[in-house]
Amino acid sequence: MTKKINFRFLPLVVFVLLLGFLLKGLFSDPNERDSALIGKSFPQFELPDLNSNNKIHTPETLLTEPVLVNVWGTWCLTCKYELPFLTKLANEYDVKIVGLYYDQNHAPEFGEYADIPTIRVEVKEMLARLGNPYQYNILDLDRSLSLDLGVTGAPESFLIDANGIVRMHHMGDVNERIWREKLAPVWNEISQ
C-alpha cells in the first residue's frame, strides 16, 4: 500500500520558513558581518604612501605593533564625523592608526582618473580642520588592498595585532560607543 502525501499544509510551511528568513534579516545589524580574514594574516600589498610616491608600504610596515587600519576618503561624509574621535584615540590612548585611503572617483575602466596632487591638498585641508589621527596613509587608488580586505565602503576599520593577524573588522564609523563596546576589548588584549 502506498501512502498518500497531504499537500494541504505545504503553503503554511513555506510561509513560516519565509517569515523566519525575513525576520532574521529585519532584526540583523548590517554592520555586523563575519569577515573571512579574522584570524588570518593581513593581505599582501605594495602600495605608495599618500603623501609620497617614493615611499612604499607593505604588510611588513604594519608589523611593529598593534594597529588600527582605517579605510577612509575625503568624499566620505561619515569619515568626517569619525576623524575627531580617531584623533582622540591616537592622542589620548596612544592607539596607532594607519589610514587606507581610496578615491571614489578613480575608475580607469570608465576613463576617470584621480588627480593625486588635488587629493593630497584635500586630505591635508580635511585633516588640518578635523584632526589627523594617522601615523601615515596608504594610497589604494585601484582598491586592490581594499578588495582583498573585503571592504564594501568607507569607513571600515581593522584591528591588526603585532604579528600582522587581523583580529577585528568593523563596518561603519568608530565612535565612543563602538570603541568602548566592540573594539577596545580586542585592542586591550592585543596591545599588552
C-alpha atoms as a PDB file:
ATOM      1  CA  MET A   1       0.000   0.000   0.000  1.00  0.00           C
ATOM      2  CA  THR A   2       1.164   3.475  -0.780  1.00  0.00           C
ATOM      3  CA  LYS A   3       0.533   6.378   1.486  1.00  0.00           C
ATOM      4  CA  LYS A   4      -0.993   9.469   0.012  1.00  0.00           C
ATOM      5  CA  ILE A   5       1.002  12.675   0.654  1.00  0.00           C
ATOM      6  CA  ASN A   6      -1.041  15.510   2.063  1.00  0.00           C
ATOM      7  CA  PHE A   7      -0.027  18.837   0.462  1.00  0.00           C
ATOM      8  CA  ARG A   8      -2.638  20.793   2.352  1.00  0.00           C
ATOM      9  CA  PHE A   9      -0.091  22.210   4.830  1.00  0.00           C
ATOM     10  CA  LEU A  10       2.657  22.940   2.288  1.00  0.00           C
ATOM     11  CA  PRO A  11       1.713  26.655   1.824  1.00  0.00           C
ATOM     12  CA  LEU A  12       1.743  27.130   5.612  1.00  0.00           C
ATOM     13  CA  VAL A  13       5.189  25.512   5.928  1.00  0.00           C
ATOM     14  CA  VAL A  14       6.585  27.661   3.102  1.00  0.00           C
ATOM     15  CA  PHE A  15       5.043  30.778   4.693  1.00  0.00           C
ATOM     16  CA  VAL A  16       6.582  30.056   8.114  1.00  0.00           C
ATOM     17  CA  LEU A  17      10.046  29.428   6.596  1.00  0.00           C
ATOM     18  CA  LEU A  18       9.858  32.623   4.546  1.00  0.00           C
ATOM     19  CA  LEU A  19       8.665  34.603   7.567  1.00  0.00           C
ATOM     20  CA  GLY A  20      11.592  33.326   9.647  1.00  0.00           C
ATOM     21  CA  PHE A  21      14.071  34.269   6.925  1.00  0.00           C
ATOM     22  CA  LEU A  22      12.628  37.786   6.587  1.00  0.00           C
ATOM     23  CA  LEU A  23      12.504  38.384  10.352  1.00  0.00           C
ATOM     24  CA  LYS A  24      16.149  37.357  10.687  1.00  0.00           C
ATOM     25  CA  GLY A  25      17.086  39.955   8.066  1.00  0.00           C
ATOM     26  CA  LEU A  26      14.874  42.607   9.623  1.00  0.00           C
ATOM     27  CA  PHE A  27      16.487  42.350  13.057  1.00  0.00           C
ATOM     28  CA  SER A  28      20.101  41.801  11.973  1.00  0.00           C
ATOM     29  CA  ASP A  29      22.678  44.573  12.157  1.00  0.00           C
ATOM     30  CA  PRO A  30      24.063  45.462   8.698  1.00  0.00           C
ATOM     31  CA  ASN A  31      27.342  46.496  10.337  1.00  0.00           C
ATOM     32  CA  GLU A  32      27.821  43.028  11.785  1.00  0.00           C
ATOM     33  CA  ARG A  33      29.378  40.746   9.235  1.00  0.00           C
ATOM     34  CA  ASP A  34      31.806  37.954   9.782  1.00  0.00           C
ATOM     35  CA  SER A  35      34.997  38.702   7.906  1.00  0.00           C
ATOM     36  CA  ALA A  36      36.823  35.819   6.274  1.00  0.00           C
ATOM     37  CA  LEU A  37      40.080  37.498   7.347  1.00  0.00           C
ATOM     38  CA  ILE A  38      39.608  37.230  11.109  1.00  0.00           C
ATOM     39  CA  GLY A  39      42.497  35.167  12.461  1.00  0.00           C
ATOM     40  CA  LYS A  40      44.405  35.353   9.176  1.00  0.00           C
ATOM     41  CA  SER A  41      47.388  37.404   8.037  1.00  0.00           C
ATOM     42  CA  PHE A  42      46.799  40.867   6.656  1.00  0.00           C
ATOM     43  CA  PRO A  43      46.788  40.552   2.830  1.00  0.00           C
ATOM     44  CA  GLN A  44      49.962  41.104   0.848  1.00  0.00           C
ATOM     45  CA  PHE A  45      50.244  44.524  -0.783  1.00  0.00           C
ATOM     46  CA  GLU A  46      52.756  47.010  -2.096  1.00  0.00           C
ATOM     47  CA  LEU A  47      51.240  50.500  -2.255  1.00  0.00           C
ATOM     48  CA  PRO A  48      52.563  54.054  -2.139  1.00  0.00           C
ATOM     49  CA  ASP A  49      52.229  56.498   0.700  1.00  0.00           C
ATOM     50  CA  LEU A  50      49.506  59.088   0.080  1.00  0.00           C
ATOM     51  CA  ASN A  51      51.970  61.940   0.504  1.00  0.00           C
ATOM     52  CA  SER A  52      54.964  60.445  -1.294  1.00  0.00           C
ATOM     53  CA  ASN A  53      55.116  58.191  -4.345  1.00  0.00           C
ATOM     54  CA  ASN A  54      58.694  57.342  -3.335  1.00  0.00           C
ATOM     55  CA  LYS A  55      57.656  55.670  -0.067  1.00  0.00           C
ATOM     56  CA  ILE A  56      56.139  52.198  -0.491  1.00  0.00           C
ATOM     57  CA  HIS A  57      54.179  50.382   2.203  1.00  0.00           C
ATOM     58  CA  THR A  58      53.921  46.601   2.590  1.00  0.00           C
ATOM     59  CA  PRO A  59      52.487  44.341   5.307  1.00  0.00           C
ATOM     60  CA  GLU A  60      55.888  44.495   6.995  1.00  0.00           C
ATOM     61  CA  THR A  61      55.250  48.213   7.588  1.00  0.00           C
ATOM     62  CA  LEU A  62      52.407  47.180   9.917  1.00  0.00           C
ATOM     63  CA  LEU A  63      54.348  44.517  11.836  1.00  0.00           C
ATOM     64  CA  THR A  64      55.892  46.642  14.546  1.00  0.00           C
ATOM     65  CA  GLU A  65      52.980  46.891  16.981  1.00  0.00           C
ATOM     66  CA  PRO A  66      49.182  46.573  17.048  1.00  0.00           C
ATOM     67  CA  VAL A  67      47.472  48.955  14.647  1.00  0.00           C
ATOM     68  CA  LEU A  68      44.006  50.120  13.688  1.00  0.00           C
ATOM     69  CA  VAL A  69      43.760  50.301   9.884  1.00  0.00           C
ATOM     70  CA  ASN A  70      41.027  52.764   8.938  1.00  0.00           C
ATOM     71  CA  VAL A  71      39.604  52.821   5.388  1.00  0.00           C
ATOM     72  CA  TRP A  72      38.514  56.352   4.534  1.00  0.00           C
ATOM     73  CA  GLY A  73      38.272  59.134   1.953  1.00  0.00           C
ATOM     74  CA  THR A  74      37.622  62.879   1.822  1.00  0.00           C
ATOM     75  CA  TRP A  75      34.446  62.135  -0.146  1.00  0.00           C
ATOM     76  CA  CYS A  76      33.076  60.056   2.767  1.00  0.00           C
ATOM     77  CA  LEU A  77      30.670  62.093   4.900  1.00  0.00           C
ATOM     78  CA  THR A  78      30.751  59.643   7.824  1.00  0.00           C
ATOM     79  CA  CYS A  79      34.562  59.761   7.826  1.00  0.00           C
ATOM     80  CA  LYS A  80      34.363  63.478   8.591  1.00  0.00           C
ATOM     81  CA  TYR A  81      32.420  62.717  11.769  1.00  0.00           C
ATOM     82  CA  GLU A  82      34.774  59.873  12.666  1.00  0.00           C
ATOM     83  CA  LEU A  83      38.067  61.802  12.385  1.00  0.00           C
ATOM     84  CA  PRO A  84      37.796  63.793  15.661  1.00  0.00           C
ATOM     85  CA  PHE A  85      37.193  60.617  17.677  1.00  0.00           C
ATOM     86  CA  LEU A  86      40.006  58.741  15.927  1.00  0.00           C
ATOM     87  CA  THR A  87      42.287  61.703  16.689  1.00  0.00           C
ATOM     88  CA  LYS A  88      41.282  61.447  20.351  1.00  0.00           C
ATOM     89  CA  LEU A  89      42.134  57.714  20.311  1.00  0.00           C
ATOM     90  CA  ALA A  90      45.539  58.412  18.793  1.00  0.00           C
ATOM     91  CA  ASN A  91      46.383  61.293  21.116  1.00  0.00           C
ATOM     92  CA  GLU A  92      44.863  60.246  24.444  1.00  0.00           C
ATOM     93  CA  TYR A  93      45.009  56.449  24.274  1.00  0.00           C
ATOM     94  CA  ASP A  94      48.117  56.044  22.114  1.00  0.00           C
ATOM     95  CA  VAL A  95      46.313  53.934  19.501  1.00  0.00           C
ATOM     96  CA  LYS A  96      48.433  53.606  16.363  1.00  0.00           C
ATOM     97  CA  ILE A  97      46.140  54.350  13.417  1.00  0.00           C
ATOM     98  CA  VAL A  98      47.047  53.898   9.766  1.00  0.00           C
ATOM     99  CA  GLY A  99      44.815  55.254   7.020  1.00  0.00           C
ATOM    100  CA  LEU A 100      43.927  53.272   3.919  1.00  0.00           C
ATOM    101  CA  TYR A 101      42.813  55.980   1.516  1.00  0.00           C
ATOM    102  CA  TYR A 102      40.976  55.398  -1.733  1.00  0.00           C
ATOM    103  CA  ASP A 103      39.322  57.849  -4.056  1.00  0.00           C
ATOM    104  CA  GLN A 104      35.755  57.060  -5.022  1.00  0.00           C
ATOM    105  CA  ASN A 105      36.087  58.854  -8.363  1.00  0.00           C
ATOM    106  CA  HIS A 106      39.131  56.908  -9.560  1.00  0.00           C
ATOM    107  CA  ALA A 107      37.769  54.440 -12.122  1.00  0.00           C
ATOM    108  CA  PRO A 108      40.196  53.933 -15.031  1.00  0.00           C
ATOM    109  CA  GLU A 109      37.870  51.375 -16.600  1.00  0.00           C
ATOM    110  CA  PHE A 110      35.422  54.260 -17.166  1.00  0.00           C
ATOM    111  CA  GLY A 111      38.082  56.793 -18.135  1.00  0.00           C
ATOM    112  CA  GLU A 112      38.062  58.574 -14.751  1.00  0.00           C
ATOM    113  CA  TYR A 113      41.447  59.162 -13.151  1.00  0.00           C
ATOM    114  CA  ALA A 114      42.180  60.637  -9.747  1.00  0.00           C
ATOM    115  CA  ASP A 115      44.279  63.780  -9.605  1.00  0.00           C
ATOM    116  CA  ILE A 116      46.776  62.848  -6.881  1.00  0.00           C
ATOM    117  CA  PRO A 117      48.020  66.423  -6.216  1.00  0.00           C
ATOM    118  CA  THR A 118      44.391  67.537  -5.704  1.00  0.00           C
ATOM    119  CA  ILE A 119      43.730  64.561  -3.412  1.00  0.00           C
ATOM    120  CA  ARG A 120      46.781  65.471  -1.322  1.00  0.00           C
ATOM    121  CA  VAL A 121      45.555  69.052  -0.913  1.00  0.00           C
ATOM    122  CA  GLU A 122      42.019  67.892   0.025  1.00  0.00           C
ATOM    123  CA  VAL A 123      43.389  65.393   2.545  1.00  0.00           C
ATOM    124  CA  LYS A 124      45.755  67.937   4.093  1.00  0.00           C
ATOM    125  CA  GLU A 125      42.943  70.514   4.469  1.00  0.00           C
ATOM    126  CA  MET A 126      40.469  68.000   5.903  1.00  0.00           C
ATOM    127  CA  LEU A 127      42.931  66.593   8.425  1.00  0.00           C
ATOM    128  CA  ALA A 128      44.002  70.105   9.474  1.00  0.00           C
ATOM    129  CA  ARG A 129      40.354  71.027  10.075  1.00  0.00           C
ATOM    130  CA  LEU A 130      39.058  67.823  11.719  1.00  0.00           C
ATOM    131  CA  GLY A 131      42.137  66.211  13.252  1.00  0.00           C
ATOM    132  CA  ASN A 132      44.815  63.884  11.965  1.00  0.00           C
ATOM    133  CA  PRO A 133      44.878  60.530  13.754  1.00  0.00           C
ATOM    134  CA  TYR A 134      47.046  58.798  11.137  1.00  0.00           C
ATOM    135  CA  GLN A 135      50.663  57.730  11.501  1.00  0.00           C
ATOM    136  CA  TYR A 136      50.616  57.618   7.680  1.00  0.00           C
ATOM    137  CA  ASN A 137      48.161  56.967   4.852  1.00  0.00           C
ATOM    138  CA  ILE A 138      48.435  54.175   2.307  1.00  0.00           C
ATOM    139  CA  LEU A 139      47.124  55.210  -1.123  1.00  0.00           C
ATOM    140  CA  ASP A 140      44.930  52.462  -2.601  1.00  0.00           C
ATOM    141  CA  LEU A 141      43.739  54.124  -5.805  1.00  0.00           C
ATOM    142  CA  ASP A 142      42.843  50.934  -7.654  1.00  0.00           C
ATOM    143  CA  ARG A 143      41.305  49.469  -4.470  1.00  0.00           C
ATOM    144  CA  SER A 144      43.406  46.329  -4.745  1.00  0.00           C
ATOM    145  CA  LEU A 145      44.041  46.100  -0.992  1.00  0.00           C
ATOM    146  CA  SER A 146      40.508  47.254  -0.172  1.00  0.00           C
ATOM    147  CA  LEU A 147      39.099  44.442  -2.314  1.00  0.00           C
ATOM    148  CA  ASP A 148      41.437  41.895  -0.707  1.00  0.00           C
ATOM    149  CA  LEU A 149      40.149  43.076   2.690  1.00  0.00           C
ATOM    150  CA  GLY A 150      36.523  42.737   1.562  1.00  0.00           C
ATOM    151  CA  VAL A 151      35.837  46.451   2.020  1.00  0.00           C
ATOM    152  CA  THR A 152      32.384  47.467   0.830  1.00  0.00           C
ATOM    153  CA  GLY A 153      32.642  51.185   1.588  1.00  0.00           C
ATOM    154  CA  ALA A 154      34.046  53.716   3.964  1.00  0.00           C
ATOM    155  CA  PRO A 155      34.628  53.959   6.799  1.00  0.00           C
ATOM    156  CA  GLU A 156      35.679  50.475   7.770  1.00  0.00           C
ATOM    157  CA  SER A 157      38.330  49.540  10.319  1.00  0.00           C
ATOM    158  CA  PHE A 158      40.533  46.548  11.027  1.00  0.00           C
ATOM    159  CA  LEU A 159      42.427  45.765  14.227  1.00  0.00           C
ATOM    160  CA  ILE A 160      45.740  44.092  13.394  1.00  0.00           C
ATOM    161  CA  ASP A 161      47.981  42.555  16.056  1.00  0.00           C
ATOM    162  CA  ALA A 162      51.782  42.912  16.133  1.00  0.00           C
ATOM    163  CA  ASN A 163      52.125  39.672  14.136  1.00  0.00           C
ATOM    164  CA  GLY A 164      50.030  41.042  11.268  1.00  0.00           C
ATOM    165  CA  ILE A 165      46.950  38.976  12.100  1.00  0.00           C
ATOM    166  CA  VAL A 166      43.520  40.538  11.535  1.00  0.00           C
ATOM    167  CA  ARG A 167      41.730  40.381  14.882  1.00  0.00           C
ATOM    168  CA  MET A 168      38.628  42.529  14.247  1.00  0.00           C
ATOM    169  CA  HIS A 169      36.747  44.063  11.328  1.00  0.00           C
ATOM    170  CA  HIS A 170      34.208  46.836  11.878  1.00  0.00           C
ATOM    171  CA  MET A 171      31.994  48.308   9.172  1.00  0.00           C
ATOM    172  CA  GLY A 172      30.914  51.897   9.812  1.00  0.00           C
ATOM    173  CA  ASP A 173      32.337  54.698  11.897  1.00  0.00           C
ATOM    174  CA  VAL A 174      34.335  54.232  15.058  1.00  0.00           C
ATOM    175  CA  ASN A 175      32.738  56.353  17.745  1.00  0.00           C
ATOM    176  CA  GLU A 176      32.943  56.303  21.513  1.00  0.00           C
ATOM    177  CA  ARG A 177      30.263  53.600  21.948  1.00  0.00           C
ATOM    178  CA  ILE A 178      31.671  51.330  19.226  1.00  0.00           C
ATOM    179  CA  TRP A 179      35.169  51.742  20.617  1.00  0.00           C
ATOM    180  CA  ARG A 180      34.128  51.002  24.202  1.00  0.00           C
ATOM    181  CA  GLU A 181      31.817  48.056  23.457  1.00  0.00           C
ATOM    182  CA  LYS A 182      33.414  46.390  20.470  1.00  0.00           C
ATOM    183  CA  LEU A 183      36.967  47.455  19.628  1.00  0.00           C
ATOM    184  CA  ALA A 184      38.578  48.396  22.959  1.00  0.00           C
ATOM    185  CA  PRO A 185      38.346  44.872  24.449  1.00  0.00           C
ATOM    186  CA  VAL A 186      40.209  43.455  21.439  1.00  0.00           C
ATOM    187  CA  TRP A 187      42.669  46.386  21.406  1.00  0.00           C
ATOM    188  CA  ASN A 188      43.427  45.918  25.109  1.00  0.00           C
ATOM    189  CA  GLU A 189      44.054  42.222  24.509  1.00  0.00           C
ATOM    190  CA  ILE A 190      46.450  42.693  21.580  1.00  0.00           C
ATOM    191  CA  SER A 191      48.292  45.729  22.923  1.00  0.00           C
ATOM    192  CA  GLN A 192      49.532  44.160  26.157  1.00  0.00           C
END
